[in-house]
Amino acid sequence: MISEKMQEALNEQVNKEFYSAYMYLAMSAYCDTIGLPGFSSWMRLQFEEESLHVTKMFDYILDQGGQIHLKPIEEPPKAYGTPLEVFETTLEHEQYVTRLIHKLMGLAVEEQDYATQTFLQWYITEQVEEESNVNNVVAPLRMVGDDKGGLMMIDQQLAQRLPPLPIAPK
């Protein structure tokens, strides 16, 4: 059983994870409209991954006897600038999510909620991977700059991203 304070904090994170998924879906549409189908595909898969993160946290709250409180999801931007700006925004967002997860872990430690600490460790590890994956796109984008050929090569590489592995059902 989780405390009221932990339940509230996790519900807030569910909202943030929904926003992440929503933002990546908007980015996918944007990349498609600027003629970068590989970028669009990468972002669509990121949307799917974030959706899995939401479901995992949602189920944890319920498994701990908590209640779900779904809140309105903020509207994401419609445009994101250059492909580099798209991924720089993505990196900033993932760093923000990392800070949120760390804050949740701090609350779980403060409350001596060992089950939630164990649960959140998965997200901490996942955020290291998320930031690394985005950095692995940002670096080559910075190298190619405005070179259209380089951009098209990166687009083709991003199209090769595999779908996220499903999270084990409850």
N, C-alpha and C. Protein backbone atom coordinates (compact mmCIF):
# COMPACT_ATOMS: atom_id res chain seq x y z
N MET A 1 0.84 -1.18 0.00
CA MET A 1 0.00 0.00 0.00
C MET A 1 0.89 1.25 0.00
N ILE A 2 0.56 2.19 -0.85
CA ILE A 2 1.33 3.42 -0.92
C ILE A 2 0.61 4.53 -0.15
N SER A 3 1.38 5.48 0.28
CA SER A 3 0.81 6.61 1.01
C SER A 3 0.04 7.52 0.06
N GLU A 4 -0.78 8.36 0.62
CA GLU A 4 -1.53 9.34 -0.17
C GLU A 4 -0.57 10.25 -0.95
N LYS A 5 0.51 10.67 -0.28
CA LYS A 5 1.49 11.56 -0.90
C LYS A 5 2.18 10.88 -2.09
N MET A 6 2.55 9.61 -1.91
CA MET A 6 3.22 8.86 -2.99
C MET A 6 2.24 8.62 -4.13
N GLN A 7 1.02 8.28 -3.79
CA GLN A 7 -0.01 8.06 -4.81
C GLN A 7 -0.21 9.33 -5.64
N GLU A 8 -0.29 10.46 -4.98
CA GLU A 8 -0.47 11.74 -5.68
C GLU A 8 0.72 12.03 -6.61
N ALA A 9 1.92 11.79 -6.10
CA ALA A 9 3.12 12.04 -6.90
C ALA A 9 3.19 11.10 -8.11
N LEU A 10 2.83 9.83 -7.93
CA LEU A 10 2.84 8.88 -9.04
C LEU A 10 1.76 9.23 -10.06
N ASN A 11 0.60 9.66 -9.60
CA ASN A 11 -0.45 10.09 -10.53
C ASN A 11 0.01 11.30 -11.35
N GLU A 12 0.73 12.20 -10.72
CA GLU A 12 1.27 13.35 -11.44
C GLU A 12 2.27 12.88 -12.50
N GLN A 13 3.08 11.88 -12.16
CA GLN A 13 4.04 11.34 -13.12
C GLN A 13 3.33 10.63 -14.27
N VAL A 14 2.22 9.96 -13.98
CA VAL A 14 1.43 9.34 -15.05
C VAL A 14 1.05 10.41 -16.07
N ASN A 15 0.62 11.58 -15.57
CA ASN A 15 0.26 12.68 -16.46
C ASN A 15 1.46 13.12 -17.29
N LYS A 16 2.63 13.21 -16.66
CA LYS A 16 3.85 13.63 -17.37
C LYS A 16 4.23 12.59 -18.43
N GLU A 17 4.05 11.31 -18.11
CA GLU A 17 4.37 10.26 -19.07
C GLU A 17 3.40 10.29 -20.25
N PHE A 18 2.11 10.56 -19.96
CA PHE A 18 1.14 10.74 -21.04
C PHE A 18 1.55 11.90 -21.93
N TYR A 19 1.98 13.00 -21.31
CA TYR A 19 2.42 14.15 -22.10
C TYR A 19 3.61 13.77 -22.98
N SER A 20 4.54 13.01 -22.43
CA SER A 20 5.70 12.58 -23.21
C SER A 20 5.24 11.82 -24.46
N ALA A 21 4.33 10.88 -24.27
CA ALA A 21 3.82 10.12 -25.40
C ALA A 21 3.14 11.05 -26.41
N TYR A 22 2.33 11.95 -25.91
CA TYR A 22 1.61 12.91 -26.74
C TYR A 22 2.58 13.79 -27.53
N MET A 23 3.63 14.26 -26.86
CA MET A 23 4.64 15.10 -27.50
C MET A 23 5.35 14.34 -28.62
N TYR A 24 5.72 13.07 -28.36
CA TYR A 24 6.42 12.30 -29.39
C TYR A 24 5.52 12.00 -30.58
N LEU A 25 4.23 11.84 -30.34
CA LEU A 25 3.30 11.65 -31.44
C LEU A 25 3.21 12.93 -32.28
N ALA A 26 3.18 14.08 -31.60
CA ALA A 26 3.18 15.37 -32.31
C ALA A 26 4.48 15.55 -33.10
N MET A 27 5.60 15.15 -32.50
CA MET A 27 6.88 15.25 -33.20
C MET A 27 6.92 14.34 -34.41
N SER A 28 6.32 13.16 -34.29
CA SER A 28 6.25 12.23 -35.41
C SER A 28 5.50 12.87 -36.57
N ALA A 29 4.36 13.47 -36.27
CA ALA A 29 3.57 14.13 -37.31
C ALA A 29 4.36 15.27 -37.94
N TYR A 30 5.05 16.05 -37.10
CA TYR A 30 5.84 17.17 -37.60
C TYR A 30 6.94 16.68 -38.55
N CYS A 31 7.67 15.64 -38.12
CA CYS A 31 8.75 15.12 -38.95
C CYS A 31 8.21 14.58 -40.28
N ASP A 32 7.04 14.00 -40.24
CA ASP A 32 6.43 13.52 -41.47
C ASP A 32 6.11 14.69 -42.40
N THR A 33 5.61 15.79 -41.84
CA THR A 33 5.23 16.94 -42.68
C THR A 33 6.45 17.64 -43.29
N ILE A 34 7.63 17.48 -42.67
CA ILE A 34 8.83 18.11 -43.25
C ILE A 34 9.62 17.12 -44.11
N GLY A 35 9.00 15.97 -44.40
CA GLY A 35 9.60 15.03 -45.35
C GLY A 35 10.68 14.15 -44.80
N LEU A 36 10.62 13.83 -43.50
CA LEU A 36 11.62 12.96 -42.90
C LEU A 36 10.93 11.73 -42.28
N PRO A 37 10.60 10.74 -43.11
CA PRO A 37 9.86 9.59 -42.61
C PRO A 37 10.63 8.75 -41.59
N GLY A 38 11.93 8.71 -41.68
CA GLY A 38 12.72 7.97 -40.68
C GLY A 38 12.65 8.64 -39.31
N PHE A 39 12.75 9.95 -39.30
CA PHE A 39 12.60 10.71 -38.05
C PHE A 39 11.20 10.49 -37.49
N SER A 40 10.20 10.54 -38.39
CA SER A 40 8.82 10.32 -37.98
C SER A 40 8.64 8.94 -37.37
N SER A 41 9.22 7.93 -37.99
CA SER A 41 9.13 6.56 -37.48
C SER A 41 9.78 6.44 -36.11
N TRP A 42 10.95 7.06 -35.95
CA TRP A 42 11.66 7.02 -34.66
C TRP A 42 10.78 7.61 -33.56
N MET A 43 10.17 8.74 -33.86
CA MET A 43 9.31 9.41 -32.88
C MET A 43 8.04 8.61 -32.61
N ARG A 44 7.51 7.95 -33.63
CA ARG A 44 6.31 7.12 -33.43
C ARG A 44 6.63 5.96 -32.49
N LEU A 45 7.80 5.37 -32.67
CA LEU A 45 8.21 4.29 -31.76
C LEU A 45 8.46 4.82 -30.35
N GLN A 46 8.95 6.05 -30.26
CA GLN A 46 9.14 6.67 -28.95
C GLN A 46 7.78 6.87 -28.27
N PHE A 47 6.79 7.26 -29.04
CA PHE A 47 5.42 7.38 -28.54
C PHE A 47 4.96 6.04 -27.95
N GLU A 48 5.19 4.96 -28.69
CA GLU A 48 4.78 3.63 -28.22
C GLU A 48 5.50 3.26 -26.93
N GLU A 49 6.78 3.58 -26.86
CA GLU A 49 7.55 3.26 -25.66
C GLU A 49 7.03 4.05 -24.45
N GLU A 50 6.76 5.32 -24.65
CA GLU A 50 6.23 6.13 -23.55
C GLU A 50 4.86 5.62 -23.11
N SER A 51 4.07 5.14 -24.05
CA SER A 51 2.77 4.57 -23.71
C SER A 51 2.93 3.35 -22.80
N LEU A 52 3.96 2.56 -23.06
CA LEU A 52 4.25 1.42 -22.19
C LEU A 52 4.66 1.89 -20.79
N HIS A 53 5.41 2.98 -20.73
CA HIS A 53 5.83 3.52 -19.43
C HIS A 53 4.61 3.96 -18.62
N VAL A 54 3.65 4.59 -19.29
CA VAL A 54 2.41 5.02 -18.62
C VAL A 54 1.70 3.81 -18.05
N THR A 55 1.52 2.79 -18.86
CA THR A 55 0.78 1.60 -18.44
C THR A 55 1.45 0.93 -17.24
N LYS A 56 2.76 0.86 -17.26
CA LYS A 56 3.50 0.24 -16.16
C LYS A 56 3.25 1.00 -14.85
N MET A 57 3.31 2.31 -14.88
CA MET A 57 3.11 3.11 -13.68
C MET A 57 1.65 3.06 -13.23
N PHE A 58 0.74 3.13 -14.17
CA PHE A 58 -0.69 3.02 -13.92
C PHE A 58 -0.99 1.72 -13.17
N ASP A 59 -0.48 0.62 -13.69
CA ASP A 59 -0.70 -0.69 -13.06
C ASP A 59 -0.08 -0.76 -11.68
N TYR A 60 1.09 -0.17 -11.50
CA TYR A 60 1.75 -0.19 -10.19
C TYR A 60 0.88 0.50 -9.14
N ILE A 61 0.35 1.66 -9.48
CA ILE A 61 -0.51 2.38 -8.54
C ILE A 61 -1.67 1.49 -8.11
N LEU A 62 -2.32 0.87 -9.09
CA LEU A 62 -3.45 -0.02 -8.77
C LEU A 62 -3.01 -1.23 -7.95
N ASP A 63 -1.88 -1.83 -8.32
CA ASP A 63 -1.37 -2.99 -7.59
C ASP A 63 -1.06 -2.67 -6.14
N GLN A 64 -0.73 -1.42 -5.86
CA GLN A 64 -0.41 -1.00 -4.50
C GLN A 64 -1.65 -0.51 -3.74
N GLY A 65 -2.81 -0.73 -4.30
CA GLY A 65 -4.05 -0.34 -3.64
C GLY A 65 -4.38 1.14 -3.78
N GLY A 66 -3.68 1.80 -4.69
CA GLY A 66 -3.92 3.23 -4.89
C GLY A 66 -5.04 3.48 -5.87
N GLN A 67 -5.35 4.74 -6.02
CA GLN A 67 -6.39 5.16 -6.96
C GLN A 67 -5.75 5.98 -8.08
N ILE A 68 -6.31 5.83 -9.25
CA ILE A 68 -5.84 6.57 -10.41
C ILE A 68 -6.62 7.87 -10.51
N HIS A 69 -5.89 8.95 -10.76
CA HIS A 69 -6.50 10.25 -10.99
C HIS A 69 -5.91 10.81 -12.28
N LEU A 70 -6.63 10.60 -13.38
CA LEU A 70 -6.16 11.08 -14.67
C LEU A 70 -6.50 12.56 -14.82
N LYS A 71 -5.51 13.32 -15.20
CA LYS A 71 -5.65 14.77 -15.34
C LYS A 71 -5.55 15.14 -16.82
N PRO A 72 -6.00 16.35 -17.17
CA PRO A 72 -5.86 16.78 -18.57
C PRO A 72 -4.40 16.77 -19.01
N ILE A 73 -4.19 16.44 -20.27
CA ILE A 73 -2.84 16.41 -20.83
C ILE A 73 -2.61 17.72 -21.58
N GLU A 74 -1.51 18.37 -21.26
CA GLU A 74 -1.14 19.62 -21.92
C GLU A 74 -0.95 19.39 -23.42
N GLU A 75 -1.34 20.35 -24.21
CA GLU A 75 -1.16 20.26 -25.66
C GLU A 75 0.31 20.50 -26.01
N PRO A 76 0.91 19.59 -26.80
CA PRO A 76 2.31 19.80 -27.21
C PRO A 76 2.38 20.80 -28.36
N PRO A 77 3.57 21.35 -28.61
CA PRO A 77 3.74 22.24 -29.77
C PRO A 77 3.41 21.51 -31.07
N LYS A 78 3.13 22.29 -32.11
CA LYS A 78 2.83 21.71 -33.43
C LYS A 78 4.07 21.67 -34.32
N ALA A 79 5.03 22.56 -34.06
CA ALA A 79 6.24 22.64 -34.88
C ALA A 79 7.46 22.65 -33.96
N TYR A 80 8.58 22.14 -34.48
CA TYR A 80 9.77 21.97 -33.66
C TYR A 80 11.05 22.48 -34.30
N GLY A 81 10.98 23.11 -35.47
CA GLY A 81 12.17 23.65 -36.09
C GLY A 81 12.92 22.63 -36.92
N THR A 82 14.24 22.74 -36.89
CA THR A 82 15.09 21.85 -37.68
C THR A 82 15.12 20.45 -37.06
N PRO A 83 15.57 19.45 -37.81
CA PRO A 83 15.71 18.12 -37.23
C PRO A 83 16.60 18.13 -35.97
N LEU A 84 17.67 18.93 -35.98
CA LEU A 84 18.51 19.03 -34.78
C LEU A 84 17.70 19.61 -33.62
N GLU A 85 16.92 20.63 -33.89
CA GLU A 85 16.10 21.22 -32.83
C GLU A 85 15.07 20.23 -32.29
N VAL A 86 14.54 19.38 -33.16
CA VAL A 86 13.61 18.34 -32.72
C VAL A 86 14.29 17.45 -31.68
N PHE A 87 15.51 17.02 -31.98
CA PHE A 87 16.20 16.11 -31.07
C PHE A 87 16.80 16.83 -29.86
N GLU A 88 17.15 18.08 -29.99
CA GLU A 88 17.59 18.84 -28.82
C GLU A 88 16.42 19.03 -27.86
N THR A 89 15.22 19.27 -28.40
CA THR A 89 14.02 19.36 -27.57
C THR A 89 13.75 18.02 -26.90
N THR A 90 13.94 16.95 -27.64
CA THR A 90 13.76 15.60 -27.09
C THR A 90 14.73 15.35 -25.95
N LEU A 91 15.99 15.72 -26.12
CA LEU A 91 16.99 15.54 -25.07
C LEU A 91 16.62 16.35 -23.83
N GLU A 92 16.25 17.61 -24.02
CA GLU A 92 15.85 18.44 -22.88
C GLU A 92 14.66 17.82 -22.15
N HIS A 93 13.72 17.29 -22.91
CA HIS A 93 12.55 16.67 -22.31
C HIS A 93 12.94 15.42 -21.50
N GLU A 94 13.79 14.59 -22.07
CA GLU A 94 14.20 13.38 -21.36
C GLU A 94 14.99 13.72 -20.09
N GLN A 95 15.79 14.77 -20.14
CA GLN A 95 16.51 15.21 -18.93
C GLN A 95 15.53 15.70 -17.87
N TYR A 96 14.47 16.38 -18.29
CA TYR A 96 13.41 16.81 -17.39
C TYR A 96 12.73 15.61 -16.75
N VAL A 97 12.40 14.59 -17.55
CA VAL A 97 11.76 13.39 -17.02
C VAL A 97 12.69 12.69 -16.03
N THR A 98 13.98 12.67 -16.33
CA THR A 98 14.95 12.07 -15.40
C THR A 98 14.89 12.78 -14.05
N ARG A 99 14.85 14.10 -14.07
CA ARG A 99 14.75 14.86 -12.80
C ARG A 99 13.46 14.52 -12.06
N LEU A 100 12.36 14.36 -12.79
CA LEU A 100 11.09 14.00 -12.15
C LEU A 100 11.17 12.62 -11.49
N ILE A 101 11.77 11.68 -12.19
CA ILE A 101 11.90 10.32 -11.64
C ILE A 101 12.79 10.34 -10.40
N HIS A 102 13.88 11.10 -10.45
CA HIS A 102 14.76 11.21 -9.28
C HIS A 102 14.01 11.82 -8.09
N LYS A 103 13.17 12.80 -8.37
CA LYS A 103 12.37 13.42 -7.30
C LYS A 103 11.41 12.39 -6.69
N LEU A 104 10.81 11.57 -7.54
CA LEU A 104 9.94 10.49 -7.03
C LEU A 104 10.73 9.52 -6.16
N MET A 105 11.93 9.18 -6.61
CA MET A 105 12.77 8.27 -5.82
C MET A 105 13.09 8.91 -4.47
N GLY A 106 13.39 10.19 -4.47
CA GLY A 106 13.66 10.89 -3.21
C GLY A 106 12.48 10.80 -2.26
N LEU A 107 11.28 10.95 -2.79
CA LEU A 107 10.08 10.84 -1.96
C LEU A 107 9.92 9.41 -1.44
N ALA A 108 10.16 8.43 -2.28
CA ALA A 108 10.05 7.03 -1.85
C ALA A 108 11.06 6.72 -0.75
N VAL A 109 12.27 7.27 -0.86
CA VAL A 109 13.30 7.08 0.17
C VAL A 109 12.86 7.77 1.47
N GLU A 110 12.39 9.00 1.33
CA GLU A 110 11.93 9.76 2.50
C GLU A 110 10.82 9.02 3.24
N GLU A 111 9.92 8.39 2.50
CA GLU A 111 8.79 7.69 3.10
C GLU A 111 9.13 6.24 3.47
N GLN A 112 10.35 5.83 3.22
CA GLN A 112 10.77 4.45 3.45
C GLN A 112 9.84 3.46 2.75
N ASP A 113 9.47 3.83 1.52
CA ASP A 113 8.59 3.02 0.69
C ASP A 113 9.49 2.17 -0.22
N TYR A 114 9.88 1.01 0.30
CA TYR A 114 10.86 0.17 -0.38
C TYR A 114 10.31 -0.44 -1.67
N ALA A 115 9.03 -0.76 -1.69
CA ALA A 115 8.43 -1.31 -2.91
C ALA A 115 8.49 -0.28 -4.04
N THR A 116 8.17 0.96 -3.74
CA THR A 116 8.20 2.00 -4.77
C THR A 116 9.64 2.31 -5.18
N GLN A 117 10.57 2.24 -4.24
CA GLN A 117 11.98 2.44 -4.61
C GLN A 117 12.41 1.38 -5.62
N THR A 118 12.04 0.14 -5.37
CA THR A 118 12.39 -0.94 -6.28
C THR A 118 11.73 -0.72 -7.64
N PHE A 119 10.47 -0.35 -7.62
CA PHE A 119 9.72 -0.07 -8.85
C PHE A 119 10.38 1.05 -9.64
N LEU A 120 10.73 2.13 -8.98
CA LEU A 120 11.30 3.30 -9.66
C LEU A 120 12.70 3.06 -10.20
N GLN A 121 13.41 2.08 -9.65
CA GLN A 121 14.75 1.78 -10.16
C GLN A 121 14.70 1.44 -11.64
N TRP A 122 13.64 0.76 -12.07
CA TRP A 122 13.49 0.44 -13.49
C TRP A 122 13.45 1.73 -14.31
N TYR A 123 12.71 2.73 -13.85
CA TYR A 123 12.61 4.00 -14.58
C TYR A 123 13.94 4.76 -14.58
N ILE A 124 14.67 4.68 -13.49
CA ILE A 124 15.97 5.35 -13.43
C ILE A 124 16.90 4.75 -14.48
N THR A 125 16.94 3.45 -14.55
CA THR A 125 17.76 2.76 -15.55
C THR A 125 17.27 3.09 -16.96
N GLU A 126 15.96 3.12 -17.13
CA GLU A 126 15.37 3.43 -18.43
C GLU A 126 15.74 4.84 -18.88
N GLN A 127 15.77 5.79 -17.95
CA GLN A 127 16.11 7.16 -18.32
C GLN A 127 17.56 7.30 -18.77
N VAL A 128 18.45 6.52 -18.21
CA VAL A 128 19.84 6.52 -18.68
C VAL A 128 19.86 6.10 -20.15
N GLU A 129 19.11 5.06 -20.47
CA GLU A 129 19.02 4.57 -21.85
C GLU A 129 18.36 5.61 -22.75
N GLU A 130 17.29 6.24 -22.27
CA GLU A 130 16.58 7.24 -23.08
C GLU A 130 17.51 8.38 -23.47
N GLU A 131 18.22 8.93 -22.49
CA GLU A 131 19.12 10.05 -22.77
C GLU A 131 20.25 9.63 -23.72
N SER A 132 20.77 8.44 -23.52
CA SER A 132 21.84 7.93 -24.39
C SER A 132 21.35 7.78 -25.82
N ASN A 133 20.15 7.22 -25.99
CA ASN A 133 19.60 7.03 -27.34
C ASN A 133 19.44 8.36 -28.06
N VAL A 134 18.98 9.38 -27.34
CA VAL A 134 18.78 10.69 -27.97
C VAL A 134 20.14 11.32 -28.27
N ASN A 135 21.08 11.23 -27.35
CA ASN A 135 22.43 11.76 -27.59
C ASN A 135 23.07 11.12 -28.82
N ASN A 136 22.75 9.84 -29.05
CA ASN A 136 23.29 9.13 -30.22
C ASN A 136 22.72 9.63 -31.53
N VAL A 137 21.66 10.42 -31.48
CA VAL A 137 21.12 11.06 -32.68
C VAL A 137 21.59 12.51 -32.74
N VAL A 138 21.63 13.18 -31.61
CA VAL A 138 22.03 14.59 -31.58
C VAL A 138 23.45 14.75 -32.11
N ALA A 139 24.37 13.90 -31.70
CA ALA A 139 25.77 14.04 -32.11
C ALA A 139 25.94 14.01 -33.63
N PRO A 140 25.40 13.01 -34.34
CA PRO A 140 25.55 13.03 -35.79
C PRO A 140 24.81 14.20 -36.45
N LEU A 141 23.68 14.59 -35.89
CA LEU A 141 22.97 15.75 -36.46
C LEU A 141 23.81 17.01 -36.36
N ARG A 142 24.52 17.16 -35.27
CA ARG A 142 25.42 18.32 -35.13
C ARG A 142 26.57 18.24 -36.13
N MET A 143 27.04 17.02 -36.39
CA MET A 143 28.15 16.86 -37.34
C MET A 143 27.74 17.20 -38.76
N VAL A 144 26.54 16.78 -39.18
CA VAL A 144 26.14 17.01 -40.57
C VAL A 144 25.63 18.42 -40.80
N GLY A 145 25.21 19.08 -39.74
CA GLY A 145 24.73 20.46 -39.90
C GLY A 145 23.60 20.54 -40.91
N ASP A 146 23.79 21.39 -41.93
CA ASP A 146 22.76 21.60 -42.95
C ASP A 146 22.94 20.70 -44.18
N ASP A 147 23.90 19.78 -44.14
CA ASP A 147 24.16 18.91 -45.28
C ASP A 147 22.97 17.98 -45.52
N LYS A 148 22.30 18.16 -46.64
CA LYS A 148 21.09 17.39 -46.96
C LYS A 148 21.37 15.89 -47.12
N GLY A 149 22.53 15.57 -47.71
CA GLY A 149 22.89 14.16 -47.87
C GLY A 149 23.09 13.49 -46.53
N GLY A 150 23.79 14.17 -45.64
CA GLY A 150 23.99 13.62 -44.29
C GLY A 150 22.68 13.46 -43.56
N LEU A 151 21.81 14.43 -43.71
CA LEU A 151 20.50 14.38 -43.06
C LEU A 151 19.68 13.19 -43.58
N MET A 152 19.74 12.96 -44.88
CA MET A 152 19.01 11.83 -45.45
C MET A 152 19.58 10.49 -44.97
N MET A 153 20.90 10.42 -44.79
CA MET A 153 21.50 9.19 -44.25
C MET A 153 21.01 8.94 -42.83
N ILE A 154 20.97 9.99 -42.02
CA ILE A 154 20.47 9.85 -40.64
C ILE A 154 19.00 9.44 -40.67
N ASP A 155 18.21 10.03 -41.57
CA ASP A 155 16.80 9.68 -41.69
C ASP A 155 16.65 8.18 -41.98
N GLN A 156 17.48 7.67 -42.89
CA GLN A 156 17.42 6.24 -43.22
C GLN A 156 17.80 5.38 -42.03
N GLN A 157 18.81 5.80 -41.27
CA GLN A 157 19.21 5.05 -40.08
C GLN A 157 18.11 5.04 -39.03
N LEU A 158 17.46 6.18 -38.83
CA LEU A 158 16.40 6.26 -37.82
C LEU A 158 15.21 5.38 -38.18
N ALA A 159 15.00 5.18 -39.47
CA ALA A 159 13.91 4.32 -39.93
C ALA A 159 14.13 2.86 -39.53
N GLN A 160 15.37 2.50 -39.18
CA GLN A 160 15.70 1.12 -38.83
C GLN A 160 15.43 0.78 -37.36
N ARG A 161 15.03 1.78 -36.58
CA ARG A 161 14.78 1.54 -35.14
C ARG A 161 13.69 0.48 -34.98
N LEU A 162 13.94 -0.43 -34.05
CA LEU A 162 12.99 -1.51 -33.79
C LEU A 162 11.96 -1.06 -32.75
N PRO A 163 10.75 -1.64 -32.82
CA PRO A 163 9.72 -1.30 -31.83
C PRO A 163 10.18 -1.69 -30.42
N PRO A 164 9.65 -1.00 -29.41
CA PRO A 164 10.02 -1.33 -28.02
C PRO A 164 9.50 -2.72 -27.65
N LEU A 165 10.24 -3.38 -26.80
CA LEU A 165 9.78 -4.68 -26.30
C LEU A 165 8.62 -4.44 -25.34
N PRO A 166 7.60 -5.26 -25.42
CA PRO A 166 6.47 -5.06 -24.50
C PRO A 166 6.91 -5.32 -23.05
N ILE A 167 6.26 -4.62 -22.16
CA ILE A 167 6.50 -4.82 -20.74
C ILE A 167 5.63 -5.97 -20.30
N ALA A 168 6.16 -6.87 -19.48
CA ALA A 168 5.41 -8.04 -19.04
C ALA A 168 4.08 -7.61 -18.43
N PRO A 169 3.00 -8.32 -18.78
CA PRO A 169 1.69 -7.98 -18.21
C PRO A 169 1.66 -8.22 -16.71
N LYS A 170 0.70 -7.60 -16.05
CA LYS A 170 0.59 -7.73 -14.60
C LYS A 170 0.37 -9.17 -14.19
